[in-house]
Amino acid sequence: MTPEPDLAFETAAQLRGLARVAGVDEVGRGPLCGPVTAAAVVLDPARIPQGLNDSKKLTATRRERLAAEILACADCSIAHASVEEIDRLNILQAAHLAMCRAVAGLRLRPDHVLIDGNRIPRDLGLSAEAVVKGDARALSIAAASIIAKVARDAIMVDLAQQHPGYGWEKNAGYPTPDHLAALLNLGVTPHHRRSFAPVHKMLYQDKSITS
């Protein structure tokens, strides 16, 4: 049975005198369109919603319910890096930019930051540690993964209404067969990431995006 996330990382930091610990995660590195979104969350140990876990392990309904609970009882911040920033910086640096913005948006500056993944954004400027698969290991990162996922999904639903036919309300911009087919049939929108191979090939090489 896979262990569920707990407060071990947060507690270890607090034992080192780092009282206010934020969990940070991002969503949206893989899609062909839309922003990359990050969230930072500082949980109240006395009011932690039940059932926090990696957002990918939860249903959409459960994520939305938990996101509302987290926002009601924790210090949360959501931030984005735009398509233009993704194309200019590359997706990793844009994701790190969104993470830094999310941390900066917290009501109170954290003493320590737990970052999901294996890299710490170089411009963070705070005590931090990277936690591989952190969204399944640390409760504050799990909370951040839920907040970020729900926020980005809502953006993609809104964009889907402006640009029907790509299925963004279901695929969130990921390169699913229906999205790739729509890209061929309907063309590239202003929200597509031109630095990503399928979009770049279509714009600049005049080849089938499925070749």
Protein backbone atom coordinates (compact mmCIF):
# COMPACT_ATOMS: atom_id res chain seq x y z
CA MET A 1 0.00 0.00 0.00
CA THR A 2 1.40 3.40 -1.01
CA PRO A 3 2.03 5.65 2.01
CA GLU A 4 0.04 8.87 2.12
CA PRO A 5 1.67 12.28 2.50
CA ASP A 6 2.38 13.46 6.03
CA LEU A 7 4.04 16.32 7.91
CA ALA A 8 7.48 14.70 8.27
CA PHE A 9 9.26 17.24 6.03
CA GLU A 10 7.46 20.19 7.60
CA THR A 11 8.19 18.95 11.12
CA ALA A 12 11.87 18.33 10.36
CA ALA A 13 12.23 21.93 9.16
CA GLN A 14 10.43 23.25 12.22
CA LEU A 15 12.78 21.30 14.48
CA ARG A 16 15.61 23.21 12.80
CA GLY A 17 13.95 26.48 13.81
CA LEU A 18 12.19 27.10 10.47
CA ALA A 19 8.70 27.62 11.81
CA ARG A 20 6.71 28.68 8.78
CA VAL A 21 7.00 26.06 6.02
CA ALA A 22 5.41 26.42 2.59
CA GLY A 23 4.80 23.62 0.12
CA VAL A 24 5.11 24.51 -3.56
CA ASP A 25 4.07 22.63 -6.69
CA GLU A 26 3.32 23.45 -10.31
CA VAL A 27 1.11 22.04 -13.02
CA GLY A 28 1.16 22.49 -16.76
CA ARG A 29 4.66 21.67 -17.98
CA GLY A 30 3.43 19.14 -20.55
CA PRO A 31 0.52 20.86 -22.32
CA LEU A 32 0.87 22.47 -25.74
CA CYS A 33 -1.01 25.57 -24.66
CA GLY A 34 -1.95 27.73 -21.71
CA PRO A 35 0.10 28.98 -18.78
CA VAL A 36 2.14 27.00 -16.32
CA THR A 37 0.58 27.43 -12.87
CA ALA A 38 2.15 27.16 -9.44
CA ALA A 39 0.75 27.27 -5.93
CA ALA A 40 2.33 27.81 -2.53
CA VAL A 41 0.55 26.68 0.63
CA VAL A 42 1.32 27.09 4.32
CA LEU A 43 -0.96 24.73 6.22
CA ASP A 44 -2.39 25.33 9.67
CA PRO A 45 -1.46 22.11 11.55
CA ALA A 46 -4.68 22.37 13.55
CA ARG A 47 -6.89 22.62 10.46
CA ILE A 48 -5.56 20.26 7.80
CA PRO A 49 -8.28 18.98 5.43
CA GLN A 50 -8.64 15.22 5.38
CA GLY A 51 -7.64 13.34 2.24
CA LEU A 52 -4.85 15.57 0.90
CA ASN A 53 -2.78 13.74 -1.70
CA ASP A 54 -1.09 14.12 -5.06
CA SER A 55 -3.71 15.87 -7.21
CA LYS A 56 -3.26 13.24 -9.96
CA LYS A 57 -4.57 10.59 -7.57
CA LEU A 58 -7.83 12.45 -6.92
CA THR A 59 -10.98 12.85 -8.98
CA ALA A 60 -11.85 16.30 -10.29
CA THR A 61 -14.77 16.54 -7.86
CA ARG A 62 -12.58 15.60 -4.91
CA ARG A 63 -9.88 18.07 -5.98
CA GLU A 64 -12.35 20.92 -6.20
CA ARG A 65 -13.82 20.13 -2.79
CA LEU A 66 -10.38 19.92 -1.19
CA ALA A 67 -9.20 23.10 -2.92
CA ALA A 68 -12.08 25.01 -1.34
CA GLU A 69 -11.21 23.56 2.07
CA ILE A 70 -7.52 24.42 1.68
CA LEU A 71 -8.25 28.00 0.60
CA ALA A 72 -10.52 28.41 3.63
CA CYS A 73 -7.96 27.39 6.25
CA ALA A 74 -4.43 27.93 4.87
CA ASP A 75 -2.24 30.71 3.54
CA CYS A 76 -2.37 30.07 -0.21
CA SER A 77 -1.00 31.81 -3.28
CA ILE A 78 -1.48 30.96 -6.94
CA ALA A 79 0.70 32.34 -9.74
CA HIS A 80 1.36 31.73 -13.41
CA ALA A 81 3.93 32.10 -16.13
CA SER A 82 2.43 33.01 -19.50
CA VAL A 83 2.76 31.31 -22.85
CA GLU A 84 5.05 34.15 -23.94
CA GLU A 85 7.27 33.59 -20.91
CA ILE A 86 7.33 29.83 -21.54
CA ASP A 87 8.45 30.40 -25.14
CA ARG A 88 11.05 32.96 -24.12
CA LEU A 89 12.55 31.24 -21.07
CA ASN A 90 11.82 27.50 -21.67
CA ILE A 91 9.26 25.52 -19.72
CA LEU A 92 11.49 24.64 -16.74
CA GLN A 93 12.52 28.24 -16.11
CA ALA A 94 8.94 29.43 -16.61
CA ALA A 95 7.72 26.86 -14.08
CA HIS A 96 10.35 28.09 -11.62
CA LEU A 97 9.25 31.68 -12.27
CA ALA A 98 5.65 30.74 -11.45
CA MET A 99 6.85 29.02 -8.26
CA CYS A 100 8.78 32.12 -7.16
CA ARG A 101 5.74 34.28 -7.85
CA ALA A 102 3.52 31.96 -5.84
CA VAL A 103 5.86 32.06 -2.82
CA ALA A 104 6.10 35.86 -3.09
CA GLY A 105 2.30 36.07 -3.05
CA LEU A 106 1.86 34.42 0.35
CA ARG A 107 0.45 36.68 3.07
CA LEU A 108 3.51 36.06 5.28
CA ARG A 109 7.01 35.24 4.11
CA PRO A 110 7.86 31.57 4.80
CA ASP A 111 10.96 30.49 6.70
CA HIS A 112 11.42 27.41 4.52
CA VAL A 113 10.03 26.13 1.24
CA LEU A 114 9.44 22.53 0.15
CA ILE A 115 9.60 22.32 -3.65
CA ASP A 116 8.13 19.38 -5.54
CA GLY A 117 10.75 17.85 -7.82
CA ASN A 118 14.53 17.70 -7.88
CA ARG A 119 15.43 21.36 -8.50
CA ILE A 120 15.09 24.54 -6.49
CA PRO A 121 14.36 27.76 -8.42
CA ARG A 122 17.57 29.75 -8.33
CA ASP A 123 15.79 33.07 -7.73
CA LEU A 124 13.76 31.86 -4.76
CA GLY A 125 16.01 33.57 -2.21
CA LEU A 126 14.76 31.49 0.72
CA SER A 127 15.74 28.40 2.65
CA ALA A 128 14.41 25.56 0.52
CA GLU A 129 14.68 21.87 -0.28
CA ALA A 130 13.57 19.84 -3.26
CA VAL A 131 11.41 16.81 -2.53
CA VAL A 132 11.17 14.23 -5.31
CA LYS A 133 7.54 13.11 -5.69
CA GLY A 134 6.80 15.60 -2.94
CA ASP A 135 3.11 15.86 -3.82
CA ALA A 136 2.73 12.27 -2.59
CA ARG A 137 5.03 12.72 0.44
CA ALA A 138 4.53 16.13 2.05
CA LEU A 139 1.08 17.41 2.98
CA SER A 140 1.83 21.05 2.16
CA ILE A 141 3.09 20.11 -1.32
CA ALA A 142 0.03 17.89 -1.83
CA ALA A 143 -2.16 20.85 -0.94
CA ALA A 144 -0.24 23.04 -3.40
CA SER A 145 -0.62 20.43 -6.15
CA ILE A 146 -4.40 20.44 -5.65
CA ILE A 147 -4.68 24.23 -5.64
CA ALA A 148 -2.52 24.59 -8.75
CA LYS A 149 -4.35 21.87 -10.68
CA VAL A 150 -7.83 23.24 -9.93
CA ALA A 151 -6.75 26.78 -10.80
CA ARG A 152 -5.17 25.81 -14.12
CA ASP A 153 -8.03 23.53 -15.12
CA ALA A 154 -10.44 26.44 -14.60
CA ILE A 155 -8.30 28.63 -16.88
CA MET A 156 -8.34 25.97 -19.58
CA VAL A 157 -12.13 25.58 -19.35
CA ASP A 158 -12.45 29.32 -19.85
CA LEU A 159 -10.05 29.27 -22.82
CA ALA A 160 -11.98 26.33 -24.29
CA GLN A 161 -15.10 28.49 -24.46
CA GLN A 162 -13.14 31.13 -26.39
CA HIS A 163 -11.55 28.56 -28.71
CA PRO A 164 -13.98 25.63 -29.13
CA GLY A 165 -12.94 22.43 -30.87
CA TYR A 166 -9.61 21.73 -29.16
CA GLY A 167 -11.13 19.92 -26.18
CA TRP A 168 -9.22 21.98 -23.61
CA GLU A 169 -12.06 21.60 -21.13
CA LYS A 170 -11.22 17.88 -21.03
CA ASN A 171 -7.54 17.60 -22.02
CA ALA A 172 -6.34 20.80 -20.26
CA GLY A 173 -4.13 21.49 -23.27
CA TYR A 174 -2.17 18.23 -23.18
CA PRO A 175 -1.31 16.68 -26.56
CA THR A 176 -4.15 14.19 -26.73
CA PRO A 177 -5.24 12.80 -30.12
CA ASP A 178 -8.27 15.12 -30.24
CA HIS A 179 -6.11 18.16 -29.46
CA LEU A 180 -3.52 17.24 -32.09
CA ALA A 181 -6.25 16.65 -34.68
CA ALA A 182 -7.82 20.02 -33.89
CA LEU A 183 -4.43 21.69 -34.20
CA LEU A 184 -4.18 20.31 -37.73
CA ASN A 185 -7.76 21.17 -38.67
CA LEU A 186 -8.29 24.47 -36.85
CA GLY A 187 -4.75 25.83 -36.64
CA VAL A 188 -2.62 27.39 -33.95
CA THR A 189 -4.19 29.79 -31.43
CA PRO A 190 -2.47 32.64 -29.56
CA HIS A 191 -2.52 30.38 -26.49
CA HIS A 192 -0.36 27.66 -28.04
CA ARG A 193 3.28 27.37 -27.02
CA ARG A 194 5.27 27.98 -30.16
CA SER A 195 8.46 26.52 -28.68
CA PHE A 196 6.82 23.11 -28.23
CA ALA A 197 7.65 20.67 -31.03
CA PRO A 198 4.17 19.85 -32.43
CA VAL A 199 3.23 23.53 -32.61
CA HIS A 200 6.64 24.63 -33.87
CA LYS A 201 6.64 22.02 -36.63
CA MET A 202 3.21 23.07 -37.76
CA LEU A 203 4.13 26.74 -37.87
CA TYR A 204 7.60 26.58 -39.30
CA GLN A 205 8.12 23.30 -41.13
CA ASP A 206 4.74 22.85 -42.80
CA LYS A 207 4.69 19.18 -41.86
CA SER A 208 2.07 16.98 -40.32
CA ILE A 209 2.23 17.33 -36.52
CA THR A 210 1.81 13.61 -36.27
CA SER A 211 4.81 12.77 -38.46
